[in-house]
């Protein structure tokens, strides 16, 4: 009975082709997510580092009493948390159902 063997091999080939197609899509999505993550880290990290340095330089120009007050209030930690939230907002809104869209930072 060669017909069931041909049918079984055709079915196995279809299953393997379907799995390969699905694997390719998963690999492409993972690679695009990793690439987007790398670009976010390198590009946005430079931007936020420069902005944080500028803010901390301006804080260093304040009188000593104001600096002490800001130190007690942990303003430096708050600034770092705000910049982290900004990066996450750009990341989340940059991805739309698995599709990368153009990001614009506009004042609201």
PDB file of N, CA and C in Angstrom:
ATOM      1  N   UNK A   1       0.819  -1.182   0.000  1.00  0.00           N
ATOM      2  CA  UNK A   1       0.000   0.000   0.000  1.00  0.00           C
ATOM      3  C   UNK A   1       0.869   1.255   0.000  1.00  0.00           C
ATOM      4  N   UNK A   2       1.284   1.702  -1.138  1.00  0.00           N
ATOM      5  CA  UNK A   2       2.130   2.884  -1.183  1.00  0.00           C
ATOM      6  C   UNK A   2       1.356   4.176  -0.980  1.00  0.00           C
ATOM      7  N   UNK A   3       0.043   4.181  -1.194  1.00  0.00           N
ATOM      8  CA  UNK A   3      -0.724   5.429  -1.089  1.00  0.00           C
ATOM      9  C   UNK A   3      -0.711   6.013   0.319  1.00  0.00           C
ATOM     10  N   UNK A   4      -0.941   5.237   1.411  1.00  0.00           N
ATOM     11  CA  UNK A   4      -0.878   5.827   2.759  1.00  0.00           C
ATOM     12  C   UNK A   4       0.514   6.356   3.096  1.00  0.00           C
ATOM     13  N   UNK A   5       1.553   5.709   2.582  1.00  0.00           N
ATOM     14  CA  UNK A   5       2.905   6.188   2.853  1.00  0.00           C
ATOM     15  C   UNK A   5       3.130   7.546   2.191  1.00  0.00           C
ATOM     16  N   UNK A   6       2.632   7.704   0.959  1.00  0.00           N
ATOM     17  CA  UNK A   6       2.750   8.978   0.264  1.00  0.00           C
ATOM     18  C   UNK A   6       1.943  10.042   0.991  1.00  0.00           C
ATOM     19  N   UNK A   7       0.740   9.651   1.444  1.00  0.00           N
ATOM     20  CA  UNK A   7      -0.106  10.584   2.183  1.00  0.00           C
ATOM     21  C   UNK A   7       0.556  11.013   3.488  1.00  0.00           C
ATOM     22  N   UNK A   8       1.162  10.043   4.199  1.00  0.00           N
ATOM     23  CA  UNK A   8       1.821  10.342   5.475  1.00  0.00           C
ATOM     24  C   UNK A   8       3.037  11.240   5.258  1.00  0.00           C
ATOM     25  N   UNK A   9       3.805  10.974   4.203  1.00  0.00           N
ATOM     26  CA  UNK A   9       4.982  11.809   3.959  1.00  0.00           C
ATOM     27  C   UNK A   9       4.563  13.220   3.539  1.00  0.00           C
ATOM     28  N   UNK A  10       3.484  13.335   2.792  1.00  0.00           N
ATOM     29  CA  UNK A  10       2.980  14.653   2.411  1.00  0.00           C
ATOM     30  C   UNK A  10       2.475  15.420   3.612  1.00  0.00           C
ATOM     31  N   UNK A  11       1.805  14.709   4.519  1.00  0.00           N
ATOM     32  CA  UNK A  11       1.306  15.334   5.741  1.00  0.00           C
ATOM     33  C   UNK A  11       2.470  15.777   6.627  1.00  0.00           C
ATOM     34  N   UNK A  12       3.484  14.929   6.747  1.00  0.00           N
ATOM     35  CA  UNK A  12       4.658  15.277   7.557  1.00  0.00           C
ATOM     36  C   UNK A  12       5.372  16.474   6.947  1.00  0.00           C
ATOM     37  N   UNK A  13       5.470  16.517   5.632  1.00  0.00           N
ATOM     38  CA  UNK A  13       6.109  17.654   4.969  1.00  0.00           C
ATOM     39  C   UNK A  13       5.340  18.938   5.203  1.00  0.00           C
ATOM     40  N   UNK A  14       4.008  18.857   5.187  1.00  0.00           N
ATOM     41  CA  UNK A  14       3.178  20.037   5.426  1.00  0.00           C
ATOM     42  C   UNK A  14       3.337  20.533   6.861  1.00  0.00           C
ATOM     43  N   UNK A  15       3.406  19.584   7.812  1.00  0.00           N
ATOM     44  CA  UNK A  15       3.582  19.971   9.216  1.00  0.00           C
ATOM     45  C   UNK A  15       4.937  20.642   9.411  1.00  0.00           C
ATOM     46  N   UNK A  16       5.979  20.071   8.822  1.00  0.00           N
ATOM     47  CA  UNK A  16       7.321  20.643   8.954  1.00  0.00           C
ATOM     48  C   UNK A  16       7.367  22.024   8.297  1.00  0.00           C
ATOM     49  N   UNK A  17       6.741  22.186   7.133  1.00  0.00           N
ATOM     50  CA  UNK A  17       6.720  23.482   6.457  1.00  0.00           C
ATOM     51  C   UNK A  17       5.966  24.518   7.290  1.00  0.00           C
ATOM     52  N   UNK A  18       4.860  24.112   7.901  1.00  0.00           N
ATOM     53  CA  UNK A  18       4.104  25.026   8.755  1.00  0.00           C
ATOM     54  C   UNK A  18       4.894  25.449   9.977  1.00  0.00           C
ATOM     55  N   UNK A  19       5.582  24.497  10.610  1.00  0.00           N
ATOM     56  CA  UNK A  19       6.404  24.830  11.765  1.00  0.00           C
ATOM     57  C   UNK A  19       7.565  25.736  11.374  1.00  0.00           C
ATOM     58  N   UNK A  20       8.165  25.470  10.226  1.00  0.00           N
ATOM     59  CA  UNK A  20       9.276  26.306   9.767  1.00  0.00           C
ATOM     60  C   UNK A  20       8.794  27.730   9.492  1.00  0.00           C
ATOM     61  N   UNK A  21       7.613  27.864   8.892  1.00  0.00           N
ATOM     62  CA  UNK A  21       7.064  29.183   8.613  1.00  0.00           C
ATOM     63  C   UNK A  21       6.792  29.936   9.911  1.00  0.00           C
ATOM     64  N   UNK A  22       6.215  29.253  10.873  1.00  0.00           N
ATOM     65  CA  UNK A  22       5.949  29.881  12.167  1.00  0.00           C
ATOM     66  C   UNK A  22       7.226  30.246  12.893  1.00  0.00           C
ATOM     67  N   UNK A  23       8.238  29.385  12.796  1.00  0.00           N
ATOM     68  CA  UNK A  23       9.514  29.666  13.454  1.00  0.00           C
ATOM     69  C   UNK A  23      10.185  30.888  12.839  1.00  0.00           C
ATOM     70  N   UNK A  24      10.087  31.025  11.528  1.00  0.00           N
ATOM     71  CA  UNK A  24      10.683  32.183  10.861  1.00  0.00           C
ATOM     72  C   UNK A  24      10.019  33.470  11.342  1.00  0.00           C
ATOM     73  N   UNK A  25       8.698  33.449  11.473  1.00  0.00           N
ATOM     74  CA  UNK A  25       7.999  34.644  11.943  1.00  0.00           C
ATOM     75  C   UNK A  25       8.382  34.983  13.377  1.00  0.00           C
ATOM     76  N   UNK A  26       8.504  33.968  14.213  1.00  0.00           N
ATOM     77  CA  UNK A  26       8.881  34.206  15.616  1.00  0.00           C
ATOM     78  C   UNK A  26      10.295  34.764  15.688  1.00  0.00           C
ATOM     79  N   UNK A  27      11.209  34.183  14.908  1.00  0.00           N
ATOM     80  CA  UNK A  27      12.594  34.656  14.917  1.00  0.00           C
ATOM     81  C   UNK A  27      12.666  36.102  14.433  1.00  0.00           C
ATOM     82  N   UNK A  28      11.918  36.433  13.393  1.00  0.00           N
ATOM     83  CA  UNK A  28      11.922  37.808  12.895  1.00  0.00           C
ATOM     84  C   UNK A  28      11.377  38.786  13.925  1.00  0.00           C
ATOM     85  N   UNK A  29      10.325  38.396  14.640  1.00  0.00           N
ATOM     86  CA  UNK A  29       9.769  39.279  15.673  1.00  0.00           C
ATOM     87  C   UNK A  29      10.758  39.468  16.817  1.00  0.00           C
ATOM     88  N   UNK A  30      11.437  38.379  17.198  1.00  0.00           N
ATOM     89  CA  UNK A  30      12.421  38.483  18.283  1.00  0.00           C
ATOM     90  C   UNK A  30      13.587  39.366  17.855  1.00  0.00           C
ATOM     91  N   UNK A  31      14.071  39.179  16.631  1.00  0.00           N
ATOM     92  CA  UNK A  31      15.187  40.000  16.155  1.00  0.00           C
ATOM     93  C   UNK A  31      14.799  41.473  16.037  1.00  0.00           C
ATOM     94  N   UNK A  32      13.587  41.747  15.575  1.00  0.00           N
ATOM     95  CA  UNK A  32      13.164  43.147  15.488  1.00  0.00           C
ATOM     96  C   UNK A  32      13.016  43.758  16.881  1.00  0.00           C
ATOM     97  N   UNK A  33      12.526  42.981  17.838  1.00  0.00           N
ATOM     98  CA  UNK A  33      12.404  43.493  19.209  1.00  0.00           C
ATOM     99  C   UNK A  33      13.784  43.753  19.808  1.00  0.00           C
ATOM    100  N   UNK A  34      14.731  42.844  19.566  1.00  0.00           N
ATOM    101  CA  UNK A  34      16.081  43.056  20.077  1.00  0.00           C
ATOM    102  C   UNK A  34      16.745  44.256  19.416  1.00  0.00           C
ATOM    103  N   UNK A  35      16.546  44.408  18.117  1.00  0.00           N
ATOM    104  CA  UNK A  35      17.106  45.552  17.412  1.00  0.00           C
ATOM    105  C   UNK A  35      16.524  46.857  17.912  1.00  0.00           C
ATOM    106  N   UNK A  36      15.216  46.868  18.139  1.00  0.00           N
ATOM    107  CA  UNK A  36      14.572  48.069  18.655  1.00  0.00           C
ATOM    108  C   UNK A  36      15.063  48.368  20.064  1.00  0.00           C
ATOM    109  N   UNK A  37      15.233  47.337  20.851  1.00  0.00           N
ATOM    110  CA  UNK A  37      15.756  47.528  22.202  1.00  0.00           C
ATOM    111  C   UNK A  37      17.166  48.087  22.197  1.00  0.00           C
ATOM    112  N   UNK A  38      17.985  47.600  21.275  1.00  0.00           N
ATOM    113  CA  UNK A  38      19.360  48.104  21.179  1.00  0.00           C
ATOM    114  C   UNK A  38      19.382  49.568  20.754  1.00  0.00           C
ATOM    115  N   UNK A  39      18.566  49.907  19.758  1.00  0.00           N
ATOM    116  CA  UNK A  39      18.506  51.300  19.315  1.00  0.00           C
ATOM    117  C   UNK A  39      17.990  52.206  20.420  1.00  0.00           C
ATOM    118  N   UNK A  40      17.008  51.736  21.153  1.00  0.00           N
ATOM    119  CA  UNK A  40      16.481  52.524  22.263  1.00  0.00           C
ATOM    120  C   UNK A  40      17.557  52.747  23.309  1.00  0.00           C
ATOM    121  N   UNK A  41      18.281  51.690  23.621  1.00  0.00           N
ATOM    122  CA  UNK A  41      19.310  51.804  24.653  1.00  0.00           C
ATOM    123  C   UNK A  41      20.410  52.759  24.229  1.00  0.00           C
ATOM    124  N   UNK A  42      20.920  52.605  23.011  1.00  0.00           N
ATOM    125  CA  UNK A  42      22.056  53.428  22.606  1.00  0.00           C
ATOM    126  C   UNK A  42      21.656  54.875  22.316  1.00  0.00           C
ATOM    127  N   UNK A  43      20.534  55.062  21.650  1.00  0.00           N
ATOM    128  CA  UNK A  43      20.133  56.420  21.276  1.00  0.00           C
ATOM    129  C   UNK A  43      19.553  57.211  22.422  1.00  0.00           C
ATOM    130  N   UNK A  44      18.588  56.630  23.081  1.00  0.00           N
ATOM    131  CA  UNK A  44      17.906  57.335  24.162  1.00  0.00           C
ATOM    132  C   UNK A  44      18.800  57.452  25.391  1.00  0.00           C
ATOM    133  N   UNK A  45      19.671  56.478  25.608  1.00  0.00           N
ATOM    134  CA  UNK A  45      20.570  56.539  26.759  1.00  0.00           C
ATOM    135  C   UNK A  45      21.495  57.747  26.652  1.00  0.00           C
ATOM    136  N   UNK A  46      21.998  58.001  25.473  1.00  0.00           N
ATOM    137  CA  UNK A  46      22.857  59.169  25.279  1.00  0.00           C
ATOM    138  C   UNK A  46      22.080  60.462  25.548  1.00  0.00           C
ATOM    139  N   UNK A  47      20.861  60.521  25.026  1.00  0.00           N
ATOM    140  CA  UNK A  47      20.033  61.716  25.206  1.00  0.00           C
ATOM    141  C   UNK A  47      19.710  61.952  26.674  1.00  0.00           C
ATOM    142  N   UNK A  48      19.282  60.917  27.370  1.00  0.00           N
ATOM    143  CA  UNK A  48      18.918  61.082  28.777  1.00  0.00           C
ATOM    144  C   UNK A  48      20.141  61.364  29.644  1.00  0.00           C
ATOM    145  N   UNK A  49      21.273  60.768  29.302  1.00  0.00           N
ATOM    146  CA  UNK A  49      22.491  61.037  30.071  1.00  0.00           C
ATOM    147  C   UNK A  49      22.891  62.502  29.953  1.00  0.00           C
ATOM    148  N   UNK A  50      22.806  63.043  28.756  1.00  0.00           N
ATOM    149  CA  UNK A  50      23.145  64.446  28.562  1.00  0.00           C
ATOM    150  C   UNK A  50      22.173  65.369  29.308  1.00  0.00           C
ATOM    151  N   UNK A  51      20.887  65.040  29.255  1.00  0.00           N
ATOM    152  CA  UNK A  51      19.892  65.871  29.948  1.00  0.00           C
ATOM    153  C   UNK A  51      20.060  65.794  31.460  1.00  0.00           C
ATOM    154  N   UNK A  52      20.317  64.591  31.968  1.00  0.00           N
ATOM    155  CA  UNK A  52      20.530  64.446  33.406  1.00  0.00           C
ATOM    156  C   UNK A  52      21.766  65.210  33.850  1.00  0.00           C
ATOM    157  N   UNK A  53      22.823  65.143  33.073  1.00  0.00           N
ATOM    158  CA  UNK A  53      24.046  65.862  33.427  1.00  0.00           C
ATOM    159  C   UNK A  53      23.795  67.366  33.460  1.00  0.00           C
ATOM    160  N   UNK A  54      23.003  67.851  32.518  1.00  0.00           N
ATOM    161  CA  UNK A  54      22.707  69.279  32.498  1.00  0.00           C
ATOM    162  C   UNK A  54      21.873  69.678  33.721  1.00  0.00           C
ATOM    163  N   UNK A  55      20.892  68.852  34.074  1.00  0.00           N
ATOM    164  CA  UNK A  55      20.058  69.158  35.240  1.00  0.00           C
ATOM    165  C   UNK A  55      20.890  69.148  36.513  1.00  0.00           C
ATOM    166  N   UNK A  56      21.766  68.148  36.656  1.00  0.00           N
ATOM    167  CA  UNK A  56      22.578  68.070  37.870  1.00  0.00           C
ATOM    168  C   UNK A  56      23.622  69.192  37.923  1.00  0.00           C
ATOM    169  N   UNK A  57      24.071  69.654  36.771  1.00  0.00           N
ATOM    170  CA  UNK A  57      24.974  70.809  36.746  1.00  0.00           C
ATOM    171  C   UNK A  57      24.244  72.062  37.223  1.00  0.00           C
ATOM    172  N   UNK A  58      23.003  72.219  36.776  1.00  0.00           N
ATOM    173  CA  UNK A  58      22.219  73.373  37.231  1.00  0.00           C
ATOM    174  C   UNK A  58      21.920  73.288  38.726  1.00  0.00           C
ATOM    175  N   UNK A  59      21.682  72.085  39.227  1.00  0.00           N
ATOM    176  CA  UNK A  59      21.451  71.921  40.669  1.00  0.00           C
ATOM    177  C   UNK A  59      22.722  72.260  41.447  1.00  0.00           C
ATOM    178  N   UNK A  60      23.881  71.918  40.882  1.00  0.00           N
ATOM    179  CA  UNK A  60      25.146  72.209  41.569  1.00  0.00           C
ATOM    180  C   UNK A  60      25.410  73.708  41.666  1.00  0.00           C
ATOM    181  N   UNK A  61      24.769  74.519  40.831  1.00  0.00           N
ATOM    182  CA  UNK A  61      24.945  75.971  40.879  1.00  0.00           C
ATOM    183  C   UNK A  61      24.080  76.635  41.956  1.00  0.00           C
ATOM    184  N   UNK A  62      23.187  75.881  42.549  1.00  0.00           N
ATOM    185  CA  UNK A  62      22.317  76.449  43.587  1.00  0.00           C
ATOM    186  C   UNK A  62      23.119  76.692  44.859  1.00  0.00           C
ATOM    187  N   UNK A  63      22.584  77.534  45.741  1.00  0.00           N
ATOM    188  CA  UNK A  63      23.251  77.751  47.034  1.00  0.00           C
ATOM    189  C   UNK A  63      23.301  76.451  47.845  1.00  0.00           C
ATOM    190  N   UNK A  64      24.267  76.343  48.752  1.00  0.00           N
ATOM    191  CA  UNK A  64      24.432  75.097  49.523  1.00  0.00           C
ATOM    192  C   UNK A  64      23.184  74.677  50.305  1.00  0.00           C
ATOM    193  N   UNK A  65      22.454  75.639  50.847  1.00  0.00           N
ATOM    194  CA  UNK A  65      21.257  75.294  51.611  1.00  0.00           C
ATOM    195  C   UNK A  65      20.205  74.657  50.706  1.00  0.00           C
ATOM    196  N   UNK A  66      20.039  75.185  49.494  1.00  0.00           N
ATOM    197  CA  UNK A  66      19.084  74.610  48.539  1.00  0.00           C
ATOM    198  C   UNK A  66      19.540  73.222  48.093  1.00  0.00           C
ATOM    199  N   UNK A  67      20.843  73.047  47.924  1.00  0.00           N
ATOM    200  CA  UNK A  67      21.358  71.725  47.545  1.00  0.00           C
ATOM    201  C   UNK A  67      21.088  70.705  48.642  1.00  0.00           C
ATOM    202  N   UNK A  68      21.265  71.115  49.884  1.00  0.00           N
ATOM    203  CA  UNK A  68      21.002  70.214  50.996  1.00  0.00           C
ATOM    204  C   UNK A  68      19.527  69.836  51.059  1.00  0.00           C
ATOM    205  N   UNK A  69      18.667  70.809  50.837  1.00  0.00           N
ATOM    206  CA  UNK A  69      17.228  70.535  50.839  1.00  0.00           C
ATOM    207  C   UNK A  69      16.851  69.566  49.723  1.00  0.00           C
ATOM    208  N   UNK A  70      17.402  69.781  48.532  1.00  0.00           N
ATOM    209  CA  UNK A  70      17.122  68.877  47.418  1.00  0.00           C
ATOM    210  C   UNK A  70      17.687  67.480  47.677  1.00  0.00           C
ATOM    211  N   UNK A  71      18.808  67.411  48.393  1.00  0.00           N
ATOM    212  CA  UNK A  71      19.369  66.105  48.757  1.00  0.00           C
ATOM    213  C   UNK A  71      18.484  65.361  49.735  1.00  0.00           C
ATOM    214  N   UNK A  72      17.932  66.078  50.691  1.00  0.00           N
ATOM    215  CA  UNK A  72      17.033  65.457  51.669  1.00  0.00           C
ATOM    216  C   UNK A  72      15.753  64.988  50.983  1.00  0.00           C
ATOM    217  N   UNK A  73      15.267  65.767  50.021  1.00  0.00           N
ATOM    218  CA  UNK A  73      14.041  65.412  49.302  1.00  0.00           C
ATOM    219  C   UNK A  73      14.259  64.348  48.227  1.00  0.00           C
ATOM    220  N   UNK A  74      15.520  63.929  48.020  1.00  0.00           N
ATOM    221  CA  UNK A  74      15.867  62.910  47.014  1.00  0.00           C
ATOM    222  C   UNK A  74      15.419  63.316  45.606  1.00  0.00           C
ATOM    223  N   UNK A  75      15.667  64.556  45.258  1.00  0.00           N
ATOM    224  CA  UNK A  75      15.284  65.069  43.944  1.00  0.00           C
ATOM    225  C   UNK A  75      16.073  64.366  42.841  1.00  0.00           C
ATOM    226  N   UNK A  76      17.341  64.040  43.099  1.00  0.00           N
ATOM    227  CA  UNK A  76      18.146  63.339  42.103  1.00  0.00           C
ATOM    228  C   UNK A  76      17.557  61.990  41.732  1.00  0.00           C
ATOM    229  N   UNK A  77      17.086  61.254  42.727  1.00  0.00           N
ATOM    230  CA  UNK A  77      16.438  59.965  42.474  1.00  0.00           C
ATOM    231  C   UNK A  77      15.147  60.161  41.688  1.00  0.00           C
ATOM    232  N   UNK A  78      14.399  61.189  42.032  1.00  0.00           N
ATOM    233  CA  UNK A  78      13.149  61.471  41.309  1.00  0.00           C
ATOM    234  C   UNK A  78      13.417  61.797  39.845  1.00  0.00           C
ATOM    235  N   UNK A  79      14.474  62.538  39.580  1.00  0.00           N
ATOM    236  CA  UNK A  79      14.823  62.876  38.203  1.00  0.00           C
ATOM    237  C   UNK A  79      15.174  61.623  37.423  1.00  0.00           C
ATOM    238  N   UNK A  80      15.939  60.733  38.038  1.00  0.00           N
ATOM    239  CA  UNK A  80      16.303  59.482  37.362  1.00  0.00           C
ATOM    240  C   UNK A  80      15.071  58.617  37.091  1.00  0.00           C
ATOM    241  N   UNK A  81      14.136  58.584  38.026  1.00  0.00           N
ATOM    242  CA  UNK A  81      12.896  57.820  37.826  1.00  0.00           C
ATOM    243  C   UNK A  81      12.078  58.425  36.690  1.00  0.00           C
ATOM    244  N   UNK A  82      12.011  59.743  36.627  1.00  0.00           N
ATOM    245  CA  UNK A  82      11.276  60.401  35.544  1.00  0.00           C
ATOM    246  C   UNK A  82      11.883  60.096  34.183  1.00  0.00           C
ATOM    247  N   UNK A  83      13.202  60.106  34.091  1.00  0.00           N
ATOM    248  CA  UNK A  83      13.835  59.784  32.816  1.00  0.00           C
ATOM    249  C   UNK A  83      13.625  58.319  32.441  1.00  0.00           C
ATOM    250  N   UNK A  84      13.622  57.435  33.425  1.00  0.00           N
ATOM    251  CA  UNK A  84      13.327  56.022  33.143  1.00  0.00           C
ATOM    252  C   UNK A  84      11.903  55.860  32.636  1.00  0.00           C
ATOM    253  N   UNK A  85      10.978  56.575  33.228  1.00  0.00           N
ATOM    254  CA  UNK A  85       9.584  56.516  32.775  1.00  0.00           C
ATOM    255  C   UNK A  85       9.446  57.078  31.366  1.00  0.00           C
ATOM    256  N   UNK A  86      10.203  58.112  31.054  1.00  0.00           N
ATOM    257  CA  UNK A  86      10.177  58.672  29.703  1.00  0.00           C
ATOM    258  C   UNK A  86      10.661  57.657  28.681  1.00  0.00           C
ATOM    259  N   UNK A  87      11.731  56.955  28.991  1.00  0.00           N
ATOM    260  CA  UNK A  87      12.252  55.929  28.072  1.00  0.00           C
ATOM    261  C   UNK A  87      11.225  54.817  27.892  1.00  0.00           C
ATOM    262  N   UNK A  88      10.592  54.396  28.963  1.00  0.00           N
ATOM    263  CA  UNK A  88       9.582  53.336  28.849  1.00  0.00           C
ATOM    264  C   UNK A  88       8.380  53.819  28.049  1.00  0.00           C
ATOM    265  N   UNK A  89       7.992  55.063  28.217  1.00  0.00           N
ATOM    266  CA  UNK A  89       6.864  55.596  27.445  1.00  0.00           C
ATOM    267  C   UNK A  89       7.191  55.613  25.958  1.00  0.00           C
ATOM    268  N   UNK A  90       8.388  56.035  25.620  1.00  0.00           N
ATOM    269  CA  UNK A  90       8.792  56.035  24.223  1.00  0.00           C
ATOM    270  C   UNK A  90       8.837  54.616  23.664  1.00  0.00           C
ATOM    271  N   UNK A  91       9.268  53.674  24.471  1.00  0.00           N
ATOM    272  CA  UNK A  91       9.338  52.287  24.019  1.00  0.00           C
ATOM    273  C   UNK A  91       7.957  51.709  23.813  1.00  0.00           C
ATOM    274  N   UNK A  92       7.067  51.905  24.780  1.00  0.00           N
ATOM    275  CA  UNK A  92       5.728  51.315  24.689  1.00  0.00           C
ATOM    276  C   UNK A  92       4.922  51.953  23.567  1.00  0.00           C
ATOM    277  N   UNK A  93       4.971  53.267  23.448  1.00  0.00           N
ATOM    278  CA  UNK A  93       4.205  53.918  22.395  1.00  0.00           C
ATOM    279  C   UNK A  93       4.867  53.791  21.031  1.00  0.00           C
ATOM    280  N   UNK A  94       6.130  53.394  21.000  1.00  0.00           N
ATOM    281  CA  UNK A  94       6.796  53.161  19.728  1.00  0.00           C
ATOM    282  C   UNK A  94       6.396  51.846  19.094  1.00  0.00           C
ATOM    283  N   UNK A  95       5.925  50.917  19.912  1.00  0.00           N
ATOM    284  CA  UNK A  95       5.472  49.625  19.405  1.00  0.00           C
ATOM    285  C   UNK A  95       3.944  49.621  19.395  1.00  0.00           C
ATOM    286  N   UNK A  96       3.376  49.274  18.265  1.00  0.00           N
ATOM    287  CA  UNK A  96       1.927  49.239  18.140  1.00  0.00           C
ATOM    288  C   UNK A  96       1.529  47.893  17.561  1.00  0.00           C
ATOM    289  N   UNK A  97       1.122  46.969  18.392  1.00  0.00           N
ATOM    290  CA  UNK A  97       0.708  45.625  17.989  1.00  0.00           C
ATOM    291  C   UNK A  97       1.785  44.935  17.157  1.00  0.00           C
ATOM    292  N   UNK A  98       3.024  45.001  17.628  1.00  0.00           N
ATOM    293  CA  UNK A  98       4.122  44.345  16.948  1.00  0.00           C
ATOM    294  C   UNK A  98       4.685  45.111  15.775  1.00  0.00           C
ATOM    295  N   UNK A  99       4.156  46.287  15.479  1.00  0.00           N
ATOM    296  CA  UNK A  99       4.631  47.085  14.348  1.00  0.00           C
ATOM    297  C   UNK A  99       5.270  48.348  14.899  1.00  0.00           C
ATOM    298  N   UNK A 100       6.471  48.635  14.445  1.00  0.00           N
ATOM    299  CA  UNK A 100       7.163  49.837  14.900  1.00  0.00           C
ATOM    300  C   UNK A 100       6.631  51.024  14.104  1.00  0.00           C
ATOM    301  N   UNK A 101       6.164  52.035  14.813  1.00  0.00           N
ATOM    302  CA  UNK A 101       5.675  53.232  14.138  1.00  0.00           C
ATOM    303  C   UNK A 101       6.621  54.391  14.412  1.00  0.00           C
ATOM    304  N   UNK A 102       6.452  55.451  13.689  1.00  0.00           N
ATOM    305  CA  UNK A 102       7.319  56.607  13.847  1.00  0.00           C
ATOM    306  C   UNK A 102       6.981  57.328  15.154  1.00  0.00           C
ATOM    307  N   UNK A 103       8.030  57.640  15.912  1.00  0.00           N
ATOM    308  CA  UNK A 103       7.832  58.311  17.197  1.00  0.00           C
ATOM    309  C   UNK A 103       8.054  59.803  17.034  1.00  0.00           C
ATOM    310  N   UNK A 104       7.190  60.582  17.623  1.00  0.00           N
ATOM    311  CA  UNK A 104       7.350  62.024  17.645  1.00  0.00           C
ATOM    312  C   UNK A 104       7.164  62.489  19.079  1.00  0.00           C
ATOM    313  N   UNK A 105       8.075  63.303  19.523  1.00  0.00           N
ATOM    314  CA  UNK A 105       7.951  63.880  20.852  1.00  0.00           C
ATOM    315  C   UNK A 105       7.417  65.289  20.649  1.00  0.00           C
ATOM    316  N   UNK A 106       6.152  65.467  20.990  1.00  0.00           N
ATOM    317  CA  UNK A 106       5.509  66.765  20.828  1.00  0.00           C
ATOM    318  C   UNK A 106       4.938  67.203  22.168  1.00  0.00           C
ATOM    319  N   UNK A 107       5.018  68.466  22.455  1.00  0.00           N
ATOM    320  CA  UNK A 107       4.446  68.942  23.721  1.00  0.00           C
ATOM    321  C   UNK A 107       2.913  68.838  23.669  1.00  0.00           C
ATOM    322  N   UNK A 108       2.340  68.435  24.792  1.00  0.00           N
ATOM    323  CA  UNK A 108       0.870  68.302  24.854  1.00  0.00           C
ATOM    324  C   UNK A 108       0.255  69.458  25.598  1.00  0.00           C
TER     325      UNK A 108
END
